[in-house]
Amino acid sequence: MEPRTSRSTPRTGTAPDALSLAAELVRAPLERLLPLLSDAVAPLVSHTLAAELSPYCAHSPFKTHGRTEAAPAGRITVTELRTIAAAVVPGSPWEGTAVIGGEERAVVAVVSEAAPMSSWLPVLVLVGEPAPAPARGGLAVEDAEVVQQLWDLVTGHRARIASEGVPGPLAQSRATAAERARVIAELGEAYEAALTGLLGVLRGKHLDDRTARARAVELAVSALVELRADADRDQELAEEPAGAAFTRLADSLEPLLRHNEVRLECAPPAAQDADTPVPADVAHIARAAVRAVVLAMAGQRGVRRIHVRWRLDDCRLVAAVRDDGPGELPREALGSHRVTQRVAALGGTLAVDALPGWGTTVTATLPLGTTPGPRADPLAGLHPREAEVLGHLARGHRNRTIAQELHISESTVKFHVANILAKLGVSSRGEAAALLHTVA
């Protein structure tokens, strides 16, 4: 990264009206902040794309805006933004060249510490032309100050909303964070399965070193291809045909036991059920549960065969895994994979039937009907003004104070409070405030 120093001479043109811009930014919806900020600083810093990384937004901490055909936003990574941020002194915009989107580009980066709430500070990166950029001189000190102040304003505004737990953004952030955690958990399980397969090959005593290395490489490549394919598919899928969902499971299981003495048998859903849609979350959990069970069973001594079967029965998906081992697999063996908890989260059940000398059968049953989604947010039904009033109630404000703060009459405040109590199903202002603090 090559820095350039700022000049003290202002560049040609009139600086934006900072107060008007500040008012517009504060009034704007959160999703419009980056586009508005990019437009506001465009006369000061010529750029084709703006990218930001902020800890104050659980919904979408990494955002881009601009001409994606000129600056490849899809290839810009969080690591690149963090690397650039490390070279910037908070409060002092940095101008130079850096690798972003996989290529060297002229950039201006700004880091704010206006409202520190995290171990890392929010960074704004304005991406210019590919390096070497056309000679344009350094960023004027006065322009740099305006850019810094606007970025401080945006980050401070976002931090306030995050700290006060405004109902709308808070509900959206919680739902998105929950989905992100689900995806991370499933990818983690896939990585665990791949690494377990690799260890099985490398520890196998029936293979020489050269053969073991070759097979380990083959297994690793297959796992990478599958993970990338899963990531692409999971972005689009809301539900899957039962037959296709089982095929994905079988394809992911085969590499795990390819170099193991255990024989894998797979029985897909009946032909008449193959095209029946299965909710994506149910398919995800069923596959994760079966993979965990197969790995636990394969680790037992004396297991020679594992049979996996899916069937659809009375609006339920029944996933059964059976081995021919000693019949001593305890339920605790599945604890590290949280199989029971994940199945129960979708309203399903997990049964372990171990019969000494005859093997073990583990059956996961998941409902295909209306599955429990994210818990309904009690604040979702409030109008924006009602949400504002609720925020004041949570801070202990009386009707007169609320009326003065929101520039409305006390009778209007009373009307909003009555609606809030009715919608939240509570009988007092204190209960409404307590509910807000509980969900926050």
Protein backbone atom coordinates (compact mmCIF):
# COMPACT_ATOMS: atom_id res chain seq x y z
CA MET A 1 0.00 0.00 0.00
CA GLU A 2 1.43 3.33 -1.07
CA PRO A 3 0.23 6.46 0.75
CA ARG A 4 0.02 9.98 -0.60
CA THR A 5 0.05 13.01 1.64
CA SER A 6 -2.76 15.56 1.75
CA ARG A 7 -2.26 19.08 0.39
CA SER A 8 -3.15 22.26 2.25
CA THR A 9 -4.52 23.97 -0.88
CA PRO A 10 -8.24 23.35 -1.49
CA ARG A 11 -9.08 21.83 -4.81
CA THR A 12 -11.22 23.65 -7.34
CA GLY A 13 -14.97 23.73 -6.72
CA THR A 14 -17.40 24.50 -3.91
CA ALA A 15 -17.45 22.21 -0.88
CA PRO A 16 -20.84 20.59 -0.07
CA ASP A 17 -23.06 22.19 2.51
CA ALA A 18 -22.08 19.96 5.43
CA LEU A 19 -25.09 20.89 7.59
CA SER A 20 -27.61 20.08 4.86
CA LEU A 21 -25.86 16.79 4.19
CA ALA A 22 -25.83 15.97 7.89
CA ALA A 23 -29.57 16.57 8.17
CA GLU A 24 -30.25 14.41 5.12
CA LEU A 25 -28.08 11.57 6.46
CA VAL A 26 -29.75 11.58 9.87
CA ARG A 27 -33.23 11.46 8.31
CA ALA A 28 -32.38 8.72 5.80
CA PRO A 29 -33.25 5.03 6.28
CA LEU A 30 -30.25 2.93 7.33
CA GLU A 31 -30.02 1.16 3.98
CA ARG A 32 -29.67 4.52 2.21
CA LEU A 33 -26.80 5.87 4.31
CA LEU A 34 -23.93 4.53 2.20
CA PRO A 35 -25.42 5.62 -1.17
CA LEU A 36 -26.15 9.10 0.20
CA LEU A 37 -22.69 9.38 1.74
CA SER A 38 -21.06 8.26 -1.51
CA ASP A 39 -22.99 10.89 -3.48
CA ALA A 40 -22.19 13.56 -0.89
CA VAL A 41 -18.41 13.10 -1.02
CA ALA A 42 -18.22 12.51 -4.79
CA PRO A 43 -17.39 16.20 -5.51
CA LEU A 44 -14.52 15.95 -3.03
CA VAL A 45 -13.22 12.45 -3.78
CA SER A 46 -13.70 11.00 -7.24
CA HIS A 47 -14.56 7.31 -6.87
CA THR A 48 -16.35 4.53 -8.71
CA LEU A 49 -17.38 2.53 -5.66
CA ALA A 50 -17.73 2.96 -1.89
CA ALA A 51 -17.25 0.08 0.55
CA GLU A 52 -17.70 0.05 4.30
CA LEU A 53 -17.11 -2.33 7.19
CA SER A 54 -18.90 -1.41 10.41
CA PRO A 55 -19.41 -3.28 13.71
CA TYR A 56 -22.60 -1.32 14.41
CA CYS A 57 -24.79 -3.25 11.98
CA ALA A 58 -25.40 -6.93 12.75
CA HIS A 59 -27.71 -7.07 9.74
CA SER A 60 -25.05 -6.21 7.15
CA PRO A 61 -21.67 -5.05 8.51
CA PHE A 62 -20.07 -5.18 5.03
CA LYS A 63 -21.68 -3.03 2.32
CA THR A 64 -20.77 -1.69 -1.12
CA HIS A 65 -22.32 0.89 -3.41
CA GLY A 66 -21.36 2.13 -6.85
CA ARG A 67 -20.52 1.10 -10.37
CA THR A 68 -19.88 -2.60 -9.97
CA GLU A 69 -18.81 -2.94 -13.61
CA ALA A 70 -15.98 -0.46 -13.00
CA ALA A 71 -15.01 -1.69 -9.51
CA PRO A 72 -15.67 -5.38 -8.85
CA ALA A 73 -17.72 -5.17 -5.66
CA GLY A 74 -18.44 -8.88 -5.71
CA ARG A 75 -14.74 -9.64 -5.26
CA ILE A 76 -14.00 -7.13 -2.51
CA THR A 77 -13.36 -8.98 0.76
CA VAL A 78 -13.59 -8.11 4.44
CA THR A 79 -9.89 -8.99 4.78
CA GLU A 80 -8.97 -6.33 2.20
CA LEU A 81 -10.94 -3.66 4.07
CA ARG A 82 -9.38 -4.67 7.39
CA THR A 83 -5.89 -4.50 5.83
CA ILE A 84 -6.55 -1.00 4.53
CA ALA A 85 -8.05 0.09 7.86
CA ALA A 86 -4.88 -1.02 9.66
CA ALA A 87 -2.91 1.64 7.75
CA VAL A 88 -5.28 4.47 8.67
CA VAL A 89 -5.03 6.70 11.73
CA PRO A 90 -8.57 7.21 13.12
CA GLY A 91 -9.71 10.74 12.39
CA SER A 92 -7.17 11.30 9.59
CA PRO A 93 -8.24 10.18 6.07
CA TRP A 94 -5.62 8.16 4.18
CA GLU A 95 -5.06 8.39 0.43
CA GLY A 96 -2.96 5.91 -1.52
CA THR A 97 -3.07 2.70 -3.52
CA ALA A 98 -4.09 -0.69 -2.18
CA VAL A 99 -5.22 -4.09 -3.36
CA ILE A 100 -9.01 -4.21 -3.35
CA GLY A 101 -11.20 -6.51 -5.37
CA GLY A 102 -8.05 -8.41 -6.27
CA GLU A 103 -6.30 -5.52 -8.04
CA GLU A 104 -4.30 -2.43 -7.19
CA ARG A 105 -6.49 0.67 -7.06
CA ALA A 106 -6.39 4.25 -5.90
CA VAL A 107 -8.31 4.55 -2.64
CA VAL A 108 -9.22 7.02 0.07
CA ALA A 109 -9.89 5.37 3.43
CA VAL A 110 -11.51 6.89 6.53
CA VAL A 111 -11.71 5.33 10.00
CA SER A 112 -13.97 6.74 12.71
CA GLU A 113 -13.71 6.46 16.46
CA ALA A 114 -16.67 8.75 17.09
CA ALA A 115 -18.54 6.05 19.02
CA PRO A 116 -16.21 3.14 19.90
CA MET A 117 -18.31 0.06 20.73
CA SER A 118 -16.10 -2.73 19.41
CA SER A 119 -12.52 -3.95 19.23
CA TRP A 120 -12.43 -2.76 15.60
CA LEU A 121 -13.48 0.60 14.22
CA PRO A 122 -15.69 1.28 11.18
CA VAL A 123 -13.85 2.00 7.93
CA LEU A 124 -15.08 3.68 4.73
CA VAL A 125 -13.07 3.02 1.56
CA LEU A 126 -13.67 5.08 -1.60
CA VAL A 127 -12.33 3.10 -4.55
CA GLY A 128 -10.94 4.96 -7.56
CA GLU A 129 -9.36 3.93 -10.84
CA PRO A 130 -6.91 1.04 -11.24
CA ALA A 131 -3.32 1.92 -10.32
CA PRO A 132 -1.39 3.75 -11.52
CA ALA A 133 -4.18 6.29 -11.14
CA PRO A 134 -4.24 9.49 -13.20
CA ALA A 135 -2.27 12.29 -11.55
CA ARG A 136 -4.68 14.37 -9.54
CA GLY A 137 -2.65 15.59 -6.60
CA GLY A 138 -3.37 14.88 -3.00
CA LEU A 139 -6.65 15.18 -1.14
CA ALA A 140 -7.12 18.73 0.12
CA VAL A 141 -7.05 19.10 3.90
CA GLU A 142 -10.40 20.92 3.94
CA ASP A 143 -12.02 18.19 1.82
CA ALA A 144 -10.49 15.48 4.00
CA GLU A 145 -12.00 17.12 7.09
CA VAL A 146 -15.48 17.17 5.52
CA VAL A 147 -15.24 13.49 4.54
CA GLN A 148 -14.07 12.58 8.04
CA GLN A 149 -16.84 14.56 9.73
CA LEU A 150 -19.53 13.00 7.54
CA TRP A 151 -18.21 9.50 8.24
CA ASP A 152 -18.10 10.29 11.98
CA LEU A 153 -21.71 11.44 11.74
CA VAL A 154 -22.84 8.25 10.00
CA THR A 155 -21.02 5.93 12.42
CA GLY A 156 -22.24 7.87 15.45
CA HIS A 157 -25.82 7.74 14.14
CA ARG A 158 -25.60 3.97 13.58
CA ALA A 159 -24.00 3.42 16.99
CA ARG A 160 -26.84 5.27 18.71
CA ILE A 161 -29.45 3.15 16.97
CA ALA A 162 -27.54 -0.02 17.89
CA SER A 163 -27.09 0.97 21.55
CA GLU A 164 -30.71 2.06 22.07
CA GLY A 165 -32.13 -1.02 20.34
CA VAL A 166 -34.62 0.71 18.03
CA PRO A 167 -37.28 -2.01 17.41
CA GLY A 168 -37.30 -2.23 13.58
CA PRO A 169 -33.55 -2.48 12.92
CA LEU A 170 -33.16 -4.59 16.06
CA ALA A 171 -35.62 -7.23 14.83
CA GLN A 172 -34.01 -7.31 11.39
CA SER A 173 -30.54 -7.65 12.89
CA ARG A 174 -31.62 -10.50 15.18
CA ALA A 175 -33.20 -12.46 12.32
CA THR A 176 -30.19 -11.97 10.07
CA ALA A 177 -27.74 -12.86 12.82
CA ALA A 178 -29.68 -16.06 13.53
CA GLU A 179 -29.59 -17.06 9.86
CA ARG A 180 -25.87 -16.27 9.67
CA ALA A 181 -25.26 -18.48 12.72
CA ARG A 182 -27.20 -21.33 11.09
CA VAL A 183 -25.16 -21.14 7.90
CA ILE A 184 -21.88 -20.94 9.82
CA ALA A 185 -22.89 -23.97 11.91
CA GLU A 186 -23.66 -26.07 8.85
CA LEU A 187 -20.45 -25.06 7.09
CA GLY A 188 -18.56 -25.92 10.27
CA GLU A 189 -20.10 -29.37 10.29
CA ALA A 190 -19.15 -29.86 6.66
CA TYR A 191 -15.56 -28.86 7.42
CA GLU A 192 -15.55 -31.22 10.39
CA ALA A 193 -16.77 -34.08 8.22
CA ALA A 194 -14.11 -33.38 5.58
CA LEU A 195 -11.31 -33.20 8.15
CA THR A 196 -12.51 -36.41 9.80
CA GLY A 197 -12.38 -38.15 6.43
CA LEU A 198 -8.86 -36.84 5.84
CA LEU A 199 -7.69 -38.07 9.23
CA GLY A 200 -9.22 -41.46 8.53
CA VAL A 201 -7.17 -41.78 5.35
CA LEU A 202 -3.93 -40.51 6.90
CA ARG A 203 -4.27 -42.77 9.94
CA GLY A 204 -5.23 -45.84 7.95
CA LYS A 205 -2.64 -48.60 8.36
CA HIS A 206 -3.60 -50.42 5.15
CA LEU A 207 -2.27 -47.61 2.88
CA ASP A 208 1.34 -46.70 2.13
CA ASP A 209 2.42 -43.06 2.47
CA ARG A 210 2.24 -42.23 -1.22
CA THR A 211 -1.22 -43.73 -1.68
CA ALA A 212 -2.48 -42.09 1.51
CA ARG A 213 -1.29 -38.66 0.36
CA ALA A 214 -2.88 -39.10 -3.07
CA ARG A 215 -6.22 -40.15 -1.58
CA ALA A 216 -6.09 -37.36 1.00
CA VAL A 217 -5.60 -34.81 -1.79
CA GLU A 218 -8.50 -36.34 -3.72
CA LEU A 219 -10.73 -36.17 -0.65
CA ALA A 220 -9.74 -32.56 0.10
CA VAL A 221 -10.44 -31.46 -3.49
CA SER A 222 -13.82 -33.20 -3.45
CA ALA A 223 -14.70 -31.53 -0.14
CA LEU A 224 -13.75 -28.07 -1.45
CA VAL A 225 -15.81 -28.53 -4.59
CA GLU A 226 -18.81 -29.66 -2.54
CA LEU A 227 -18.49 -26.78 -0.07
CA ARG A 228 -18.35 -24.23 -2.87
CA ALA A 229 -21.30 -25.82 -4.61
CA ASP A 230 -23.24 -25.86 -1.32
CA ALA A 231 -22.53 -22.16 -0.78
CA ASP A 232 -23.84 -21.30 -4.25
CA ARG A 233 -26.93 -23.45 -3.93
CA ASP A 234 -27.79 -22.37 -0.40
CA GLN A 235 -28.01 -18.73 -1.47
CA GLU A 236 -30.97 -19.50 -3.68
CA LEU A 237 -32.78 -22.50 -2.20
CA ALA A 238 -35.84 -22.11 -0.03
CA GLU A 239 -36.93 -25.73 -0.50
CA GLU A 240 -35.62 -28.82 -2.25
CA PRO A 241 -37.21 -31.91 -3.81
CA ALA A 242 -36.85 -34.80 -1.38
CA GLY A 243 -34.98 -36.94 -3.93
CA ALA A 244 -32.47 -34.21 -4.76
CA ALA A 245 -31.96 -33.43 -1.06
CA PHE A 246 -31.15 -37.09 -0.36
CA THR A 247 -28.79 -37.26 -3.34
CA ARG A 248 -26.83 -34.34 -1.90
CA LEU A 249 -26.62 -36.22 1.40
CA ALA A 250 -25.43 -39.44 -0.26
CA ASP A 251 -22.82 -37.56 -2.30
CA SER A 252 -21.44 -35.94 0.87
CA LEU A 253 -21.34 -39.24 2.78
CA GLU A 254 -19.53 -41.30 0.17
CA PRO A 255 -16.14 -39.51 0.49
CA LEU A 256 -16.24 -39.93 4.30
CA LEU A 257 -16.24 -43.72 4.06
CA ARG A 258 -14.49 -44.17 0.71
CA HIS A 259 -11.25 -45.34 2.32
CA ASN A 260 -12.89 -47.03 5.27
CA GLU A 261 -13.79 -50.69 5.61
CA VAL A 262 -17.37 -49.72 6.43
CA ARG A 263 -19.82 -50.24 3.56
CA LEU A 264 -22.39 -47.50 3.04
CA GLU A 265 -25.90 -48.34 1.82
CA CYS A 266 -28.28 -45.53 0.86
CA ALA A 267 -32.03 -45.90 0.36
CA PRO A 268 -33.61 -42.72 -1.06
CA PRO A 269 -37.25 -41.71 -0.61
CA ALA A 270 -39.81 -43.69 -2.59
CA ALA A 271 -40.16 -42.73 -6.26
CA GLN A 272 -43.58 -41.16 -5.71
CA ASP A 273 -42.09 -38.90 -3.04
CA ALA A 274 -38.92 -37.86 -4.89
CA ASP A 275 -40.39 -34.58 -6.15
CA THR A 276 -42.13 -33.67 -2.90
CA PRO A 277 -40.71 -30.30 -1.73
CA VAL A 278 -38.87 -30.33 1.58
CA PRO A 279 -38.22 -26.99 3.38
CA ALA A 280 -34.55 -26.09 3.09
CA ASP A 281 -34.05 -25.83 6.86
CA VAL A 282 -35.49 -29.33 7.33
CA ALA A 283 -33.22 -30.73 4.60
CA HIS A 284 -30.21 -28.97 6.13
CA ILE A 285 -30.87 -30.35 9.61
CA ALA A 286 -31.63 -33.85 8.32
CA ARG A 287 -28.38 -33.98 6.36
CA ALA A 288 -26.36 -32.60 9.28
CA ALA A 289 -27.93 -35.11 11.69
CA VAL A 290 -27.30 -38.08 9.39
CA ARG A 291 -23.67 -37.04 8.78
CA ALA A 292 -23.05 -36.76 12.52
CA VAL A 293 -24.63 -40.16 13.20
CA VAL A 294 -22.67 -41.84 10.39
CA LEU A 295 -19.39 -40.43 11.73
CA ALA A 296 -20.23 -41.61 15.27
CA MET A 297 -21.17 -45.09 14.06
CA ALA A 298 -18.13 -45.45 11.82
CA GLY A 299 -15.87 -44.77 14.79
CA GLN A 300 -17.06 -47.91 16.60
CA ARG A 301 -15.21 -51.18 16.51
CA GLY A 302 -16.80 -54.02 14.61
CA VAL A 303 -19.00 -51.91 12.32
CA ARG A 304 -18.96 -53.23 8.74
CA ARG A 305 -22.14 -51.76 7.29
CA ILE A 306 -24.13 -48.54 7.74
CA HIS A 307 -27.56 -48.19 6.15
CA VAL A 308 -29.09 -44.71 5.58
CA ARG A 309 -32.72 -44.28 4.62
CA TRP A 310 -35.10 -41.37 4.14
CA ARG A 311 -38.85 -41.68 3.83
CA LEU A 312 -41.80 -39.30 3.85
CA ASP A 313 -44.57 -40.32 6.20
CA ASP A 314 -47.65 -38.31 7.12
CA CYS A 315 -46.10 -34.86 6.48
CA ARG A 316 -42.89 -35.89 8.19
CA LEU A 317 -39.36 -36.61 7.02
CA VAL A 318 -38.03 -39.73 8.74
CA ALA A 319 -34.24 -40.15 8.46
CA ALA A 320 -32.99 -43.48 9.82
CA VAL A 321 -29.38 -44.64 10.17
CA ARG A 322 -28.65 -48.26 11.14
CA ASP A 323 -25.34 -50.09 11.72
CA ASP A 324 -24.37 -53.71 12.36
CA GLY A 325 -22.00 -52.91 15.22
CA PRO A 326 -21.96 -53.93 18.87
CA GLY A 327 -25.18 -52.07 19.63
CA GLU A 328 -23.59 -49.94 22.31
CA LEU A 329 -23.75 -46.44 20.77
CA PRO A 330 -24.92 -44.09 23.56
CA ARG A 331 -26.92 -40.92 22.92
CA GLU A 332 -24.03 -38.99 24.46
CA ALA A 333 -21.90 -39.91 21.43
CA LEU A 334 -23.96 -37.40 19.42
CA GLY A 335 -23.64 -34.63 22.00
CA SER A 336 -20.64 -32.89 20.41
CA HIS A 337 -22.66 -32.40 17.22
CA ARG A 338 -25.75 -31.06 19.06
CA VAL A 339 -27.90 -33.39 16.96
CA THR A 340 -30.72 -33.65 19.50
CA GLN A 341 -30.91 -29.90 20.03
CA ARG A 342 -30.87 -29.06 16.32
CA VAL A 343 -33.58 -31.59 15.51
CA ALA A 344 -35.70 -30.35 18.43
CA ALA A 345 -35.32 -26.75 17.21
CA LEU A 346 -37.49 -27.65 14.19
CA GLY A 347 -40.06 -29.50 16.28
CA GLY A 348 -38.53 -32.90 15.56
CA THR A 349 -37.47 -35.87 17.66
CA LEU A 350 -34.41 -38.11 17.82
CA ALA A 351 -34.61 -41.75 18.89
CA VAL A 352 -31.62 -44.02 19.60
CA ASP A 353 -32.35 -47.75 19.68
CA ALA A 354 -29.24 -49.73 20.63
CA LEU A 355 -29.54 -53.52 20.94
CA PRO A 356 -26.36 -55.25 22.19
CA GLY A 357 -25.07 -57.67 19.60
CA TRP A 358 -27.47 -56.48 16.90
CA GLY A 359 -26.46 -52.89 16.18
CA THR A 360 -27.86 -49.41 16.66
CA THR A 361 -30.62 -47.52 14.86
CA VAL A 362 -30.88 -43.73 15.13
CA THR A 363 -34.04 -42.13 13.78
CA ALA A 364 -34.62 -38.39 13.30
CA THR A 365 -38.21 -37.35 12.60
CA LEU A 366 -38.82 -33.82 11.32
CA PRO A 367 -42.20 -32.23 10.50
CA LEU A 368 -42.69 -31.02 6.92
CA GLY A 369 -45.71 -28.86 7.66
CA THR A 370 -45.57 -25.44 9.25
CA THR A 371 -42.22 -25.61 10.94
CA PRO A 372 -41.40 -23.22 13.73
CA GLY A 373 -39.52 -20.29 12.22
CA PRO A 374 -37.81 -17.49 14.10
CA ARG A 375 -39.78 -16.47 17.17
CA ALA A 376 -42.33 -13.81 16.29
CA ASP A 377 -41.03 -10.38 17.21
CA PRO A 378 -43.58 -8.69 19.48
CA LEU A 379 -42.34 -5.30 18.26
CA ALA A 380 -42.85 -6.01 14.57
CA GLY A 381 -46.46 -4.74 14.60
CA LEU A 382 -45.58 -1.28 15.85
CA HIS A 383 -45.62 1.70 13.50
CA PRO A 384 -42.45 3.84 13.37
CA ARG A 385 -43.97 6.57 15.56
CA GLU A 386 -45.19 3.98 18.07
CA ALA A 387 -41.70 2.50 18.14
CA GLU A 388 -40.29 5.95 18.92
CA VAL A 389 -42.77 6.42 21.76
CA LEU A 390 -41.91 2.96 23.13
CA GLY A 391 -38.24 3.92 23.14
CA HIS A 392 -39.06 6.94 25.31
CA LEU A 393 -41.19 4.79 27.63
CA ALA A 394 -38.23 2.46 28.06
CA ARG A 395 -36.15 5.45 29.19
CA GLY A 396 -38.79 6.37 31.81
CA HIS A 397 -40.08 9.52 30.06
CA ARG A 398 -43.56 10.84 30.91
CA ASN A 399 -46.13 11.96 28.34
CA ARG A 400 -45.19 15.65 28.52
CA THR A 401 -41.50 14.91 27.91
CA ILE A 402 -42.33 12.57 25.03
CA ALA A 403 -44.60 15.19 23.47
CA GLN A 404 -41.85 17.80 23.67
CA GLU A 405 -39.20 15.48 22.24
CA LEU A 406 -41.37 14.33 19.32
CA HIS A 407 -43.09 17.71 18.77
CA ILE A 408 -46.58 16.26 19.14
CA SER A 409 -49.42 16.87 21.59
CA GLU A 410 -49.84 14.99 24.87
CA SER A 411 -53.19 13.61 23.67
CA THR A 412 -51.41 12.12 20.65
CA VAL A 413 -48.86 10.53 22.97
CA LYS A 414 -51.68 9.01 25.02
CA PHE A 415 -53.21 7.63 21.84
CA HIS A 416 -49.88 6.04 20.83
CA VAL A 417 -49.33 4.59 24.31
CA ALA A 418 -52.79 2.98 24.27
CA ASN A 419 -52.05 1.40 20.88
CA ILE A 420 -48.67 0.15 22.10
CA LEU A 421 -50.17 -1.52 25.16
CA ALA A 422 -52.86 -3.19 23.04
CA LYS A 423 -50.45 -4.44 20.36
CA LEU A 424 -47.92 -5.76 22.88
CA GLY A 425 -50.60 -7.38 25.03
CA VAL A 426 -49.46 -5.65 28.22
CA SER A 427 -51.38 -3.61 30.78
CA SER A 428 -48.89 -0.92 31.84
CA ARG A 429 -46.16 1.34 30.57
CA GLY A 430 -43.66 -0.47 32.79
CA GLU A 431 -44.52 -3.84 31.24
CA ALA A 432 -44.11 -2.37 27.75
CA ALA A 433 -40.70 -0.96 28.67
CA ALA A 434 -39.69 -4.29 30.24
CA LEU A 435 -40.72 -6.15 27.08
CA LEU A 436 -38.55 -3.87 24.94
CA HIS A 437 -35.56 -4.49 27.21
CA THR A 438 -36.23 -8.25 27.15
CA VAL A 439 -36.24 -8.60 23.36
CA ALA A 440 -33.28 -6.23 23.07
